Structure formats: C-alpha cells, structure tokens
Amino acid sequence: KKASIPRPESVDQLKLGQELEGVVVRTTPEMTLIDLGFKSRGLLPPAKMMAKSEVHVGDRLQVWVSELRNTSLILASDPKKVLSVKSLGPAASLKDYEINTWYPGVVLRLSPFGAFVAIRSTSGKWAEGLVKTNQIQGNLELGAEFRIRVLDVDLARRRIDLSMRSSESSTISARFATLQKLKNEIFPARVISVEETGAEVELRHPQTSVLGWLSNELQKGSKPLKPGEEIEVLIVDIDMEKYTVSLSETQVPKGIRDQDFASLLADELGEDAIDMLREGDEVQVVANISQRGLDLSLV
C-alpha cells in the first residue's frame, strides 16, 4: 500500500517537484485552474499536460509543483514536464562549470538511461546535465536535491556529463579496467538514446555493463538507429579519467579515401592482383580490425 504523502498546510511549504492532488474547477484553452485546498489555486498550462489528454470540471488530478512564482503556482500533470532549468532561474553558460568540481543539483527528469539534473553554477545560474545509470548512487526522486560532480563538459554538443560518485570510486575503476583489456573486440549492445551527433549505447559484457558513445561517423548503414535496437559494437577507446567508452559499429572507418583503400588492397592482395582490376569492377572485401591492425581479404 502506497504511503500517504503529508499534505502541506500552505503554498509556502511547497517544494518544486512535490506531488499533490487537486480538483479541476475551471478549464479554458489557455489554462486549467486546479483547487488544491489552499487559498491560492494552481494553474495547469497545456504545455505541462499529458499529450492528447482532456480534463473537465470536477476531475480529480494528480499534479506536481512545476514553478513557484510570487503570485502564481504553476503545476504539471505530465511527470516528464514537471521541472525545467527555466523554472529554476537564469540560464548559465556551459563554460561556467569546471570538470571534477561538485555543484548543487536538482533532479528534473528520470529516464531508463539515467537522470537529467539541473546544476547551479557558482554565480547562481542553472544548466542541465545527464547522470548516466552507471554514475548514480542510491534511489533518485523527481525534485531531489543533492551535490553532483561534473565529469565532462562538451561545448560542441552542448552537453554536461555528471556523476554522483567520487573520482576515487574503486568499483568504477575496476569495471573500466576490465573493458580496457577488451579494446578492439566486438560485443552485443542495445541503443539507449539517439541524439543529433550519435547514440548512447549500453554495452553488454558477462562481467560488466556500461554505457558508451557511438558517433554517427562510426555507425553502419544509412538508416538511423532507434532506441531499443540490438546491435554489435567494437570498443574503440576507453578514457579512464572521465570513465567514457567510445564505440564503433563499423570495422572499417567511414570516410576512408579511395587512394588509401587502394593502397590497403595492394598491400594485402599484391600489386599484380590490383593491376588486373579495372575502374568500375566490383569486388567483395572482408575487413577485420585486430591488435595487428586492419586485415583485408577477398570473398
């Protein structure tokens, strides 16, 4: 049985992300008015409602505190839209954050691959970062406040990677040390999320499971990857300081120049075999990456 949540006596006692229950007293295309039992009623804008949902006067709704303004209490009925960096304060520049430094954080959203957290800079401004599942300690709840460490700041992708763990975590070091011995080997993996420049991938290994980054340049095929898709990946590089894993879905790097490929064929098959080929001839070549380098052979 779900434990009852202590009901605050006034709006002043509310916290961001707090779960409440209210009754719809008025609806308009621009706003829904919710009676929460306080002197002030809550406002539920369409942008913070569940997609394609309809509410009517008299409906009892589960809502969350999204914004606390001087004269208004903004609510959300969609748990994915409860909190945002904008609701917390002015936006910070990613340059305001230093790697390996701890900052105050607030959980904005939870997902299968981690938690999105708003982090407050030393100037009091906010930015959003991601704590991957392998960097989370304990159970996280929406609106929870805690100290968070910046693992990496990627200005090009406008992304901050975060961790709840100290940099001396022996457990993480051991897990990544295991992977360090497996570079250039192929493992099954599952796509967790897809972004503009690549995909977050869960690498599956009998001894450990970590998230890695698969850039667009190292993906095979013309169709974009989809979350939940099962693939095979190659461990390309492991950064033991940032605890990040770079992956490749292809065994031959994309973008290799024609003259470089011709040279590789000549080295593998011999100059005589290359002289027998004419421009436009089609050949099937198997390429394998090993610790010795790139091995080519004709099918």
Protein backbone atom coordinates (compact mmCIF):
# COMPACT_ATOMS: atom_id res chain seq x y z
CA LYS A 1 0.00 0.00 0.00
CA LYS A 2 1.34 3.40 -1.02
CA ALA A 3 2.21 5.59 1.95
CA SER A 4 0.21 8.80 2.19
CA ILE A 5 2.10 11.99 1.46
CA PRO A 6 1.92 14.60 4.24
CA ARG A 7 -0.13 17.48 2.90
CA PRO A 8 1.41 20.94 3.38
CA GLU A 9 -0.72 23.49 5.16
CA SER A 10 0.11 26.39 2.84
CA VAL A 11 1.68 27.24 -0.51
CA ASP A 12 4.78 28.48 1.33
CA GLN A 13 5.56 24.91 2.38
CA LEU A 14 5.52 23.52 -1.16
CA LYS A 15 8.68 22.38 -2.93
CA LEU A 16 9.49 22.01 -6.62
CA GLY A 17 8.55 18.56 -7.87
CA GLN A 18 6.19 17.92 -4.96
CA GLU A 19 3.26 15.61 -5.75
CA LEU A 20 -0.27 16.84 -4.99
CA GLU A 21 -3.87 16.01 -5.75
CA GLY A 22 -6.43 18.57 -6.83
CA VAL A 23 -9.82 19.12 -8.43
CA VAL A 24 -10.41 20.91 -11.74
CA VAL A 25 -12.61 23.98 -11.13
CA ARG A 26 -12.24 25.74 -14.49
CA THR A 27 -10.90 24.99 -17.97
CA THR A 28 -10.02 27.31 -20.87
CA PRO A 29 -7.87 26.75 -23.99
CA GLU A 30 -5.08 28.74 -22.31
CA MET A 31 -5.16 27.37 -18.74
CA THR A 32 -6.78 24.88 -16.33
CA LEU A 33 -7.50 26.03 -12.78
CA ILE A 34 -6.88 23.44 -10.02
CA ASP A 35 -8.21 23.60 -6.44
CA LEU A 36 -5.52 22.14 -4.15
CA GLY A 37 -7.19 23.06 -0.88
CA PHE A 38 -5.11 26.21 -0.44
CA LYS A 39 -6.17 29.83 -0.52
CA SER A 40 -4.37 30.13 -3.87
CA ARG A 41 -5.32 27.83 -6.72
CA GLY A 42 -2.86 26.18 -9.08
CA LEU A 43 -2.51 26.86 -12.79
CA LEU A 44 -2.05 23.95 -15.23
CA PRO A 45 -0.93 25.21 -18.68
CA PRO A 46 -1.49 23.00 -21.77
CA ALA A 47 2.28 22.69 -22.29
CA LYS A 48 2.60 20.79 -18.99
CA MET A 49 -0.27 18.37 -19.54
CA MET A 50 -0.14 14.80 -20.83
CA ALA A 51 -0.23 14.65 -24.63
CA LYS A 52 -3.76 14.39 -26.12
CA SER A 53 -5.33 14.41 -22.66
CA GLU A 54 -8.62 16.10 -21.83
CA VAL A 55 -9.73 17.43 -18.46
CA HIS A 56 -13.17 18.52 -17.31
CA VAL A 57 -14.55 20.46 -14.38
CA GLY A 58 -14.81 18.14 -11.39
CA ASP A 59 -11.98 15.82 -12.48
CA ARG A 60 -9.56 14.83 -9.72
CA LEU A 61 -5.96 15.08 -10.98
CA GLN A 62 -2.54 14.01 -9.82
CA VAL A 63 -0.22 17.00 -10.34
CA TRP A 64 3.28 18.16 -9.48
CA VAL A 65 4.63 21.56 -8.50
CA SER A 66 6.45 22.90 -11.56
CA GLU A 67 7.09 26.56 -10.74
CA LEU A 68 6.70 28.69 -7.63
CA ARG A 69 6.19 32.31 -8.66
CA ASN A 70 5.41 35.27 -6.46
CA THR A 71 1.72 35.34 -7.41
CA SER A 72 1.18 32.00 -9.18
CA LEU A 73 1.57 28.28 -8.54
CA ILE A 74 2.32 26.51 -11.84
CA LEU A 75 1.51 22.79 -11.98
CA ALA A 76 2.16 19.87 -14.34
CA SER A 77 0.12 16.71 -14.86
CA ASP A 78 2.80 15.06 -17.01
CA PRO A 79 5.70 13.83 -14.80
CA LYS A 80 8.11 14.34 -17.71
CA LYS A 81 7.25 18.05 -17.87
CA VAL A 82 7.35 18.92 -14.18
CA LEU A 83 10.69 20.65 -13.84
CA SER A 84 12.90 22.59 -16.23
CA VAL A 85 16.03 24.69 -15.97
CA LYS A 86 13.96 27.72 -16.95
CA SER A 87 11.70 27.25 -13.93
CA LEU A 88 14.67 27.34 -11.54
CA GLY A 89 16.29 30.59 -12.67
CA PRO A 90 18.57 32.25 -15.23
CA ALA A 91 20.44 30.00 -17.69
CA ALA A 92 24.17 29.52 -17.18
CA SER A 93 26.89 29.13 -19.79
CA LEU A 94 28.47 25.69 -20.00
CA LYS A 95 31.81 27.46 -19.63
CA ASP A 96 30.82 28.26 -16.03
CA TYR A 97 31.35 24.63 -14.99
CA GLU A 98 34.69 23.01 -14.20
CA ILE A 99 35.44 19.32 -14.63
CA ASN A 100 35.78 17.30 -11.40
CA THR A 101 34.03 20.03 -9.37
CA TRP A 102 30.93 19.48 -7.22
CA TYR A 103 27.79 21.64 -7.62
CA PRO A 104 24.27 21.72 -6.14
CA GLY A 105 21.79 19.78 -8.30
CA VAL A 106 18.05 19.14 -8.65
CA VAL A 107 16.55 16.09 -10.45
CA LEU A 108 14.46 17.28 -13.42
CA ARG A 109 13.56 14.03 -15.20
CA LEU A 110 14.19 10.31 -14.86
CA SER A 111 14.79 8.02 -17.83
CA PRO A 112 15.89 4.40 -18.45
CA PHE A 113 19.47 5.55 -19.16
CA GLY A 114 19.91 8.00 -16.27
CA ALA A 115 18.65 11.22 -14.74
CA PHE A 116 18.57 14.76 -16.11
CA VAL A 117 19.74 17.15 -13.42
CA ALA A 118 19.76 20.94 -13.17
CA ILE A 119 23.07 22.14 -11.74
CA ARG A 120 23.62 25.54 -10.16
CA SER A 121 26.83 27.37 -11.04
CA THR A 122 28.81 29.47 -8.58
CA SER A 123 27.03 32.54 -9.97
CA GLY A 124 23.61 31.09 -9.09
CA LYS A 125 22.61 30.28 -12.68
CA TRP A 126 21.46 26.90 -13.97
CA ALA A 127 22.27 24.39 -16.71
CA GLU A 128 21.07 20.85 -17.44
CA GLY A 129 23.28 17.77 -17.34
CA LEU A 130 22.92 13.99 -17.50
CA VAL A 131 23.81 11.45 -14.81
CA LYS A 132 24.12 8.09 -16.54
CA THR A 133 22.88 4.98 -14.76
CA ASN A 134 26.42 3.80 -14.01
CA GLN A 135 27.13 7.10 -12.22
CA ILE A 136 24.05 7.05 -9.94
CA GLN A 137 24.21 6.12 -6.27
CA GLY A 138 21.04 5.22 -4.38
CA ASN A 139 17.49 5.98 -5.49
CA LEU A 140 16.63 9.29 -7.16
CA GLU A 141 13.29 11.04 -7.00
CA LEU A 142 11.89 13.92 -9.00
CA GLY A 143 12.89 17.21 -7.36
CA ALA A 144 15.54 15.62 -5.12
CA GLU A 145 18.39 17.98 -4.21
CA PHE A 146 21.99 16.83 -3.77
CA ARG A 147 25.61 17.57 -4.67
CA ILE A 148 26.74 16.43 -8.12
CA ARG A 149 30.16 16.21 -9.77
CA VAL A 150 30.90 17.37 -13.34
CA LEU A 151 32.59 14.58 -15.31
CA ASP A 152 32.86 16.32 -18.66
CA VAL A 153 31.70 19.44 -20.49
CA ASP A 154 31.21 19.07 -24.25
CA LEU A 155 30.74 22.57 -25.69
CA ALA A 156 30.26 21.29 -29.25
CA ARG A 157 27.34 19.02 -28.28
CA ARG A 158 26.18 21.42 -25.54
CA ARG A 159 26.25 18.61 -23.01
CA ILE A 160 27.38 18.13 -19.42
CA ASP A 161 28.08 14.63 -18.08
CA LEU A 162 27.59 14.27 -14.32
CA SER A 163 28.33 11.77 -11.56
CA MET A 164 27.17 11.14 -8.02
CA ARG A 165 30.34 9.17 -7.35
CA SER A 166 33.68 10.41 -6.14
CA SER A 167 36.60 10.31 -8.57
CA GLU A 168 38.28 7.69 -6.35
CA SER A 169 35.50 5.12 -6.81
CA SER A 170 37.35 1.80 -6.93
CA THR A 171 34.28 -0.06 -8.22
CA ILE A 172 34.00 2.04 -11.38
CA SER A 173 37.75 1.91 -11.93
CA ALA A 174 37.68 -1.88 -11.77
CA ARG A 175 34.79 -2.09 -14.25
CA PHE A 176 36.52 0.13 -16.78
CA ALA A 177 39.86 -1.60 -16.21
CA THR A 178 38.13 -4.82 -17.30
CA LEU A 179 36.97 -3.14 -20.50
CA GLN A 180 40.44 -1.70 -21.11
CA LYS A 181 41.64 -5.23 -21.78
CA LEU A 182 38.87 -5.77 -24.34
CA LYS A 183 39.58 -2.94 -26.76
CA ASN A 184 39.07 -3.86 -30.44
CA GLU A 185 36.74 -6.71 -29.50
CA ILE A 186 33.09 -6.92 -30.57
CA PHE A 187 30.18 -7.21 -28.11
CA PRO A 188 26.37 -7.15 -28.24
CA ALA A 189 24.80 -3.83 -27.28
CA ARG A 190 21.46 -2.03 -27.03
CA VAL A 191 20.71 1.51 -28.18
CA ILE A 192 19.52 3.60 -25.20
CA SER A 193 19.02 7.04 -26.76
CA VAL A 194 19.68 8.75 -30.09
CA GLU A 195 20.97 12.30 -30.46
CA GLU A 196 21.90 14.52 -33.40
CA THR A 197 25.58 13.53 -33.37
CA GLY A 198 25.34 9.91 -32.28
CA ALA A 199 23.78 7.37 -29.92
CA GLU A 200 24.12 6.34 -26.29
CA VAL A 201 24.64 2.58 -26.24
CA GLU A 202 24.58 0.02 -23.42
CA LEU A 203 27.50 -2.35 -23.88
CA ARG A 204 26.71 -5.88 -22.67
CA HIS A 205 29.56 -7.93 -21.28
CA PRO A 206 29.40 -11.00 -18.99
CA GLN A 207 31.50 -9.26 -16.33
CA THR A 208 30.23 -5.69 -16.56
CA SER A 209 27.71 -3.39 -18.24
CA VAL A 210 28.44 0.24 -19.12
CA LEU A 211 27.16 2.98 -21.41
CA GLY A 212 29.26 4.06 -24.37
CA TRP A 213 29.07 6.65 -27.14
CA LEU A 214 28.60 5.64 -30.79
CA SER A 215 29.10 8.63 -33.09
CA ASN A 216 27.31 8.92 -36.43
CA GLU A 217 30.60 8.52 -38.33
CA LEU A 218 31.12 5.06 -36.84
CA GLN A 219 27.62 3.72 -37.48
CA LYS A 220 26.96 1.34 -40.36
CA GLY A 221 24.04 1.56 -42.74
CA SER A 222 22.08 4.55 -43.96
CA LYS A 223 19.10 4.14 -41.62
CA PRO A 224 19.34 5.94 -38.26
CA LEU A 225 19.47 3.86 -35.09
CA LYS A 226 16.40 3.61 -32.85
CA PRO A 227 16.18 3.32 -29.03
CA GLY A 228 15.93 -0.33 -28.01
CA GLU A 229 17.61 -1.61 -31.18
CA GLU A 230 20.02 -4.53 -30.70
CA ILE A 231 23.40 -4.08 -32.42
CA GLU A 232 27.03 -5.21 -32.23
CA VAL A 233 29.78 -2.73 -31.42
CA LEU A 234 33.54 -2.56 -31.23
CA ILE A 235 35.32 -0.92 -28.29
CA VAL A 236 37.47 1.77 -29.89
CA ASP A 237 38.73 3.76 -26.91
CA ILE A 238 38.33 3.98 -23.12
CA ASP A 239 39.01 7.15 -21.13
CA MET A 240 39.89 6.04 -17.59
CA GLU A 241 39.86 9.62 -16.25
CA LYS A 242 36.35 10.53 -17.47
CA TYR A 243 35.03 6.94 -17.43
CA THR A 244 33.77 7.13 -21.00
CA VAL A 245 33.75 4.45 -23.71
CA SER A 246 33.94 5.21 -27.45
CA LEU A 247 32.35 2.59 -29.70
CA SER A 248 32.18 1.72 -33.39
CA GLU A 249 29.55 -0.25 -35.28
CA THR A 250 31.77 -0.49 -38.34
CA GLN A 251 35.00 -2.42 -38.69
CA VAL A 252 36.25 -0.19 -41.49
CA PRO A 253 36.19 3.53 -40.63
CA LYS A 254 33.79 5.58 -42.74
CA GLY A 255 35.30 8.28 -44.87
CA ILE A 256 38.44 6.35 -45.86
CA ARG A 257 39.90 7.87 -49.01
CA ASP A 258 39.87 5.93 -52.29
CA GLN A 259 43.65 6.06 -52.65
CA ASP A 260 44.13 4.81 -49.08
CA PHE A 261 41.79 1.89 -49.73
CA ALA A 262 43.61 1.05 -52.97
CA SER A 263 46.92 1.03 -51.07
CA LEU A 264 45.46 -1.31 -48.45
CA LEU A 265 44.23 -3.67 -51.16
CA ALA A 266 47.63 -3.63 -52.84
CA ASP A 267 49.39 -4.43 -49.56
CA GLU A 268 47.02 -7.29 -48.80
CA LEU A 269 46.44 -8.78 -52.27
CA GLY A 270 49.60 -7.78 -54.09
CA GLU A 271 50.28 -5.35 -56.94
CA ASP A 272 49.62 -7.99 -59.60
CA ALA A 273 46.08 -8.57 -58.38
CA ILE A 274 45.41 -4.84 -58.30
CA ASP A 275 46.68 -4.44 -61.89
CA MET A 276 44.07 -6.95 -63.04
CA LEU A 277 41.23 -4.79 -61.75
CA ARG A 278 39.68 -2.06 -63.84
CA GLU A 279 37.82 1.04 -62.77
CA GLY A 280 34.21 0.14 -62.05
CA ASP A 281 34.93 -3.51 -61.21
CA GLU A 282 33.07 -4.69 -58.11
CA VAL A 283 34.85 -6.84 -55.54
CA GLN A 284 33.75 -8.08 -52.12
CA VAL A 285 36.28 -7.44 -49.41
CA VAL A 286 36.15 -8.57 -45.78
CA ALA A 287 37.87 -6.20 -43.35
CA ASN A 288 38.73 -7.14 -39.77
CA ILE A 289 40.27 -5.00 -37.07
CA SER A 290 42.61 -6.80 -34.71
CA GLN A 291 45.52 -5.89 -32.48
CA ARG A 292 47.72 -6.26 -35.56
CA GLY A 293 45.74 -3.60 -37.42
CA LEU A 294 43.42 -3.79 -40.43
CA ASP A 295 43.30 -7.16 -42.23
CA LEU A 296 41.74 -7.41 -45.72
CA SER A 297 40.75 -10.46 -47.74
CA LEU A 298 38.69 -11.12 -50.85
CA VAL A 299 35.47 -13.14 -50.58
